[in-house]
């Protein structure tokens, strides 16, 4: 939560802190079902926040797919494999030394 603190709204922080507190309280008890329910609630809360942050990043154009992938042309206009170098596309075969001797 420390890493996301700046990007979370006050309501999101409060809800997440409440879910964390609930899990900690349930862990002090012996009711496995209550612990599981509190843990599930925390996971759901975090997933909802993560989805919201993902939507915000996508709407701002900061998605993981942006920023110049390998398939995009380079600044000079050359595409991968067209950098002016002599590139040879070749097949090869691995030869096992033990099989060569027989």
N, C-alpha and C. Protein backbone atom coordinates (compact mmCIF):
# COMPACT_ATOMS: atom_id res chain seq x y z
N UNK A 1 0.83 -1.18 0.00
CA UNK A 1 0.00 0.00 0.00
C UNK A 1 0.88 1.25 0.00
N UNK A 2 2.07 1.14 0.55
CA UNK A 2 2.97 2.29 0.55
C UNK A 2 3.32 2.71 -0.87
N UNK A 3 3.49 1.74 -1.75
CA UNK A 3 3.85 2.03 -3.14
C UNK A 3 2.71 2.70 -3.88
N UNK A 4 1.49 2.36 -3.53
CA UNK A 4 0.32 2.89 -4.24
C UNK A 4 -0.28 4.11 -3.55
N UNK A 5 0.24 4.47 -2.39
CA UNK A 5 -0.36 5.51 -1.57
C UNK A 5 -0.69 6.79 -2.29
N UNK A 6 0.19 7.26 -3.14
CA UNK A 6 -0.03 8.52 -3.84
C UNK A 6 -1.14 8.42 -4.88
N UNK A 7 -1.36 7.25 -5.39
CA UNK A 7 -2.34 7.09 -6.48
C UNK A 7 -3.72 6.69 -5.97
N UNK A 8 -3.85 6.42 -4.67
CA UNK A 8 -5.13 6.01 -4.12
C UNK A 8 -5.89 7.21 -3.57
N UNK A 9 -7.20 7.17 -3.74
CA UNK A 9 -8.03 8.21 -3.14
C UNK A 9 -8.16 7.93 -1.65
N UNK A 10 -8.65 8.90 -0.91
CA UNK A 10 -8.83 8.73 0.54
C UNK A 10 -9.79 7.58 0.83
N UNK A 11 -10.85 7.48 0.04
CA UNK A 11 -11.82 6.40 0.24
C UNK A 11 -11.19 5.04 -0.01
N UNK A 12 -10.37 4.94 -1.07
CA UNK A 12 -9.71 3.67 -1.39
C UNK A 12 -8.73 3.28 -0.29
N UNK A 13 -7.97 4.24 0.21
CA UNK A 13 -7.03 3.96 1.30
C UNK A 13 -7.76 3.47 2.54
N UNK A 14 -8.85 4.15 2.86
CA UNK A 14 -9.61 3.80 4.06
C UNK A 14 -10.21 2.39 3.92
N UNK A 15 -10.75 2.08 2.77
CA UNK A 15 -11.34 0.76 2.56
C UNK A 15 -10.27 -0.33 2.63
N UNK A 16 -9.12 -0.08 2.03
CA UNK A 16 -8.04 -1.06 2.04
C UNK A 16 -7.48 -1.24 3.45
N UNK A 17 -7.29 -0.15 4.17
CA UNK A 17 -6.80 -0.24 5.54
C UNK A 17 -7.79 -0.98 6.42
N UNK A 18 -9.08 -0.76 6.20
CA UNK A 18 -10.10 -1.47 6.95
C UNK A 18 -10.06 -2.97 6.69
N UNK A 19 -9.88 -3.33 5.43
CA UNK A 19 -9.80 -4.75 5.08
C UNK A 19 -8.56 -5.40 5.68
N UNK A 20 -7.44 -4.66 5.68
CA UNK A 20 -6.20 -5.20 6.28
C UNK A 20 -6.39 -5.39 7.78
N UNK A 21 -6.99 -4.39 8.42
CA UNK A 21 -7.24 -4.47 9.87
C UNK A 21 -8.15 -5.66 10.19
N UNK A 22 -9.14 -5.88 9.37
CA UNK A 22 -10.07 -6.99 9.57
C UNK A 22 -9.34 -8.33 9.48
N UNK A 23 -8.46 -8.48 8.51
CA UNK A 23 -7.69 -9.72 8.38
C UNK A 23 -6.83 -9.93 9.61
N UNK A 24 -6.16 -8.89 10.06
CA UNK A 24 -5.30 -9.01 11.24
C UNK A 24 -6.09 -9.42 12.47
N UNK A 25 -7.28 -8.85 12.63
CA UNK A 25 -8.13 -9.21 13.77
C UNK A 25 -8.56 -10.67 13.69
N UNK A 26 -8.95 -11.11 12.50
CA UNK A 26 -9.41 -12.49 12.32
C UNK A 26 -8.27 -13.48 12.53
N UNK A 27 -7.05 -13.08 12.20
CA UNK A 27 -5.90 -13.97 12.38
C UNK A 27 -5.62 -14.24 13.86
N UNK A 28 -6.06 -13.36 14.74
CA UNK A 28 -5.88 -13.57 16.17
C UNK A 28 -6.84 -14.61 16.72
N UNK A 29 -7.91 -14.89 15.99
CA UNK A 29 -8.90 -15.87 16.41
C UNK A 29 -8.60 -17.25 15.85
N UNK A 30 -9.53 -18.16 16.06
CA UNK A 30 -9.37 -19.54 15.60
C UNK A 30 -10.40 -19.95 14.55
N UNK A 31 -11.20 -19.01 14.09
CA UNK A 31 -12.26 -19.33 13.13
C UNK A 31 -11.70 -19.27 11.71
N UNK A 32 -11.45 -20.43 11.14
CA UNK A 32 -10.85 -20.52 9.80
C UNK A 32 -11.75 -19.90 8.75
N UNK A 33 -13.06 -20.08 8.89
CA UNK A 33 -13.99 -19.50 7.91
C UNK A 33 -13.95 -17.96 7.95
N UNK A 34 -13.86 -17.40 9.14
CA UNK A 34 -13.80 -15.94 9.28
C UNK A 34 -12.50 -15.41 8.69
N UNK A 35 -11.40 -16.14 8.91
CA UNK A 35 -10.11 -15.73 8.36
C UNK A 35 -10.17 -15.77 6.84
N UNK A 36 -10.74 -16.85 6.30
CA UNK A 36 -10.85 -16.97 4.84
C UNK A 36 -11.72 -15.87 4.26
N UNK A 37 -12.82 -15.57 4.91
CA UNK A 37 -13.72 -14.52 4.42
C UNK A 37 -13.03 -13.15 4.45
N UNK A 38 -12.32 -12.86 5.53
CA UNK A 38 -11.61 -11.59 5.63
C UNK A 38 -10.52 -11.49 4.57
N UNK A 39 -9.82 -12.59 4.34
CA UNK A 39 -8.78 -12.61 3.32
C UNK A 39 -9.38 -12.42 1.93
N UNK A 40 -10.48 -13.08 1.66
CA UNK A 40 -11.16 -12.92 0.37
C UNK A 40 -11.62 -11.48 0.17
N UNK A 41 -12.15 -10.87 1.23
CA UNK A 41 -12.59 -9.48 1.15
C UNK A 41 -11.42 -8.56 0.83
N UNK A 42 -10.26 -8.81 1.46
CA UNK A 42 -9.07 -8.01 1.21
C UNK A 42 -8.61 -8.17 -0.24
N UNK A 43 -8.61 -9.40 -0.72
CA UNK A 43 -8.20 -9.64 -2.11
C UNK A 43 -9.14 -8.94 -3.09
N UNK A 44 -10.43 -9.02 -2.83
CA UNK A 44 -11.41 -8.35 -3.70
C UNK A 44 -11.21 -6.84 -3.68
N UNK A 45 -10.97 -6.29 -2.50
CA UNK A 45 -10.73 -4.85 -2.38
C UNK A 45 -9.50 -4.44 -3.18
N UNK A 46 -8.43 -5.22 -3.06
CA UNK A 46 -7.20 -4.91 -3.78
C UNK A 46 -7.39 -5.06 -5.29
N UNK A 47 -8.13 -6.07 -5.72
CA UNK A 47 -8.39 -6.26 -7.15
C UNK A 47 -9.19 -5.09 -7.71
N UNK A 48 -10.17 -4.61 -6.97
CA UNK A 48 -10.96 -3.46 -7.42
C UNK A 48 -10.09 -2.22 -7.57
N UNK A 49 -9.21 -2.00 -6.60
CA UNK A 49 -8.32 -0.85 -6.66
C UNK A 49 -7.34 -1.00 -7.81
N UNK A 50 -6.81 -2.21 -7.99
CA UNK A 50 -5.87 -2.45 -9.09
C UNK A 50 -6.53 -2.21 -10.44
N UNK A 51 -7.77 -2.65 -10.58
CA UNK A 51 -8.49 -2.44 -11.84
C UNK A 51 -8.69 -0.95 -12.09
N UNK A 52 -9.01 -0.21 -11.05
CA UNK A 52 -9.20 1.24 -11.19
C UNK A 52 -7.89 1.92 -11.59
N UNK A 53 -6.78 1.53 -10.96
CA UNK A 53 -5.48 2.11 -11.30
C UNK A 53 -5.08 1.76 -12.73
N UNK A 54 -5.40 0.56 -13.16
CA UNK A 54 -5.11 0.14 -14.53
C UNK A 54 -5.89 0.99 -15.52
N UNK A 55 -7.15 1.24 -15.21
CA UNK A 55 -7.98 2.07 -16.09
C UNK A 55 -7.42 3.49 -16.17
N UNK A 56 -6.99 4.02 -15.03
CA UNK A 56 -6.41 5.37 -15.01
C UNK A 56 -5.15 5.43 -15.85
N UNK A 57 -4.29 4.43 -15.72
CA UNK A 57 -3.04 4.40 -16.48
C UNK A 57 -3.33 4.29 -17.97
N UNK A 58 -4.31 3.48 -18.34
CA UNK A 58 -4.65 3.30 -19.75
C UNK A 58 -5.23 4.58 -20.34
N UNK A 59 -6.04 5.29 -19.56
CA UNK A 59 -6.65 6.52 -20.07
C UNK A 59 -5.62 7.65 -20.19
N UNK A 60 -4.53 7.57 -19.43
CA UNK A 60 -3.48 8.57 -19.51
C UNK A 60 -2.44 8.21 -20.56
N UNK A 61 -2.59 7.06 -21.19
CA UNK A 61 -1.64 6.63 -22.21
C UNK A 61 -0.37 6.06 -21.63
N UNK A 62 -0.39 5.72 -20.38
CA UNK A 62 0.80 5.18 -19.72
C UNK A 62 0.77 3.69 -19.62
N UNK A 63 0.07 3.00 -20.52
CA UNK A 63 -0.01 1.55 -20.46
C UNK A 63 1.32 0.90 -20.77
N UNK A 64 1.44 -0.36 -20.44
CA UNK A 64 2.70 -1.09 -20.64
C UNK A 64 3.03 -1.27 -22.11
N UNK A 65 2.05 -1.16 -22.99
CA UNK A 65 2.29 -1.40 -24.40
C UNK A 65 2.88 -0.19 -25.11
N UNK A 66 2.82 0.99 -24.50
CA UNK A 66 3.34 2.18 -25.16
C UNK A 66 4.81 2.35 -24.87
N UNK A 67 5.46 3.21 -25.63
CA UNK A 67 6.85 3.49 -25.36
C UNK A 67 7.80 2.90 -26.38
N UNK A 68 7.34 2.47 -27.51
CA UNK A 68 8.23 2.00 -28.57
C UNK A 68 8.58 0.54 -28.44
N UNK A 69 7.77 -0.30 -28.96
CA UNK A 69 8.05 -1.73 -28.94
C UNK A 69 9.03 -2.12 -30.02
N UNK A 70 9.47 -3.36 -30.03
CA UNK A 70 10.47 -3.82 -30.99
C UNK A 70 9.93 -3.84 -32.42
N UNK A 71 8.62 -3.95 -32.58
CA UNK A 71 8.06 -4.04 -33.92
C UNK A 71 7.85 -2.66 -34.56
N UNK A 72 8.00 -1.60 -33.75
CA UNK A 72 7.81 -0.26 -34.31
C UNK A 72 9.07 0.18 -35.03
N UNK A 73 8.93 0.98 -36.08
CA UNK A 73 10.12 1.47 -36.80
C UNK A 73 10.99 2.33 -35.90
N UNK A 74 12.27 2.29 -36.15
CA UNK A 74 13.24 3.11 -35.40
C UNK A 74 13.13 4.55 -35.88
N UNK A 75 13.81 5.45 -35.21
CA UNK A 75 13.72 6.87 -35.53
C UNK A 75 14.21 7.16 -36.94
N UNK A 76 15.16 6.40 -37.43
CA UNK A 76 15.70 6.62 -38.77
C UNK A 76 14.82 6.05 -39.86
N UNK A 77 13.72 5.44 -39.52
CA UNK A 77 12.81 4.89 -40.51
C UNK A 77 13.08 3.44 -40.85
N UNK A 78 14.16 2.86 -40.34
CA UNK A 78 14.48 1.47 -40.64
C UNK A 78 13.69 0.56 -39.70
N UNK A 79 13.17 -0.50 -40.24
CA UNK A 79 12.48 -1.47 -39.41
C UNK A 79 13.50 -2.53 -38.98
N UNK A 80 13.18 -3.31 -37.93
CA UNK A 80 14.13 -4.33 -37.50
C UNK A 80 14.52 -5.24 -38.66
N UNK A 81 15.82 -5.51 -38.77
CA UNK A 81 16.31 -6.36 -39.85
C UNK A 81 16.71 -5.57 -41.08
N UNK A 82 16.45 -4.26 -41.09
CA UNK A 82 16.80 -3.42 -42.23
C UNK A 82 17.78 -2.33 -41.82
N UNK A 83 18.72 -2.65 -40.99
CA UNK A 83 19.63 -1.64 -40.47
C UNK A 83 20.82 -1.40 -41.39
N UNK A 84 20.84 -2.00 -42.57
CA UNK A 84 21.93 -1.82 -43.50
C UNK A 84 23.02 -2.87 -43.33
N UNK A 85 22.90 -3.72 -42.36
CA UNK A 85 23.89 -4.77 -42.15
C UNK A 85 23.60 -5.93 -43.08
N UNK A 86 24.63 -6.71 -43.39
CA UNK A 86 24.44 -7.93 -44.17
C UNK A 86 24.00 -9.04 -43.23
N UNK A 87 22.73 -9.34 -43.26
CA UNK A 87 22.16 -10.35 -42.38
C UNK A 87 21.80 -11.56 -43.22
N UNK A 88 22.21 -12.73 -42.75
CA UNK A 88 21.93 -13.96 -43.46
C UNK A 88 20.99 -14.80 -42.62
N UNK A 89 19.86 -15.18 -43.21
CA UNK A 89 18.93 -16.07 -42.54
C UNK A 89 19.28 -17.49 -42.97
N UNK A 90 19.66 -18.33 -42.01
CA UNK A 90 20.13 -19.67 -42.38
C UNK A 90 19.55 -20.71 -41.44
N UNK A 91 19.46 -21.93 -41.94
CA UNK A 91 19.08 -23.07 -41.13
C UNK A 91 20.35 -23.73 -40.64
N UNK A 92 20.24 -24.42 -39.52
CA UNK A 92 21.40 -25.15 -39.02
C UNK A 92 20.95 -26.48 -38.46
N UNK A 93 21.88 -27.37 -38.33
CA UNK A 93 21.59 -28.70 -37.81
C UNK A 93 22.61 -29.00 -36.72
N UNK A 94 22.13 -29.47 -35.58
CA UNK A 94 23.01 -29.83 -34.49
C UNK A 94 23.48 -31.26 -34.75
N UNK A 95 24.81 -31.44 -34.76
CA UNK A 95 25.38 -32.75 -35.00
C UNK A 95 25.94 -33.27 -33.69
N UNK A 96 25.47 -34.44 -33.29
CA UNK A 96 25.94 -35.05 -32.04
C UNK A 96 27.23 -35.78 -32.33
N UNK A 97 28.31 -35.46 -31.62
CA UNK A 97 29.63 -36.08 -31.84
C UNK A 97 29.60 -37.59 -31.67
N UNK A 98 28.77 -38.08 -30.76
CA UNK A 98 28.70 -39.53 -30.55
C UNK A 98 28.13 -40.25 -31.77
N UNK A 99 27.18 -39.65 -32.43
CA UNK A 99 26.59 -40.26 -33.62
C UNK A 99 27.52 -40.20 -34.81
N UNK A 100 28.41 -39.21 -34.86
CA UNK A 100 29.38 -39.08 -35.95
C UNK A 100 30.37 -40.24 -35.96
N UNK A 101 30.76 -40.73 -34.79
CA UNK A 101 31.77 -41.78 -34.68
C UNK A 101 31.25 -43.12 -35.16
N UNK A 102 29.95 -43.38 -35.17
CA UNK A 102 29.47 -44.69 -35.54
C UNK A 102 29.30 -44.86 -37.01
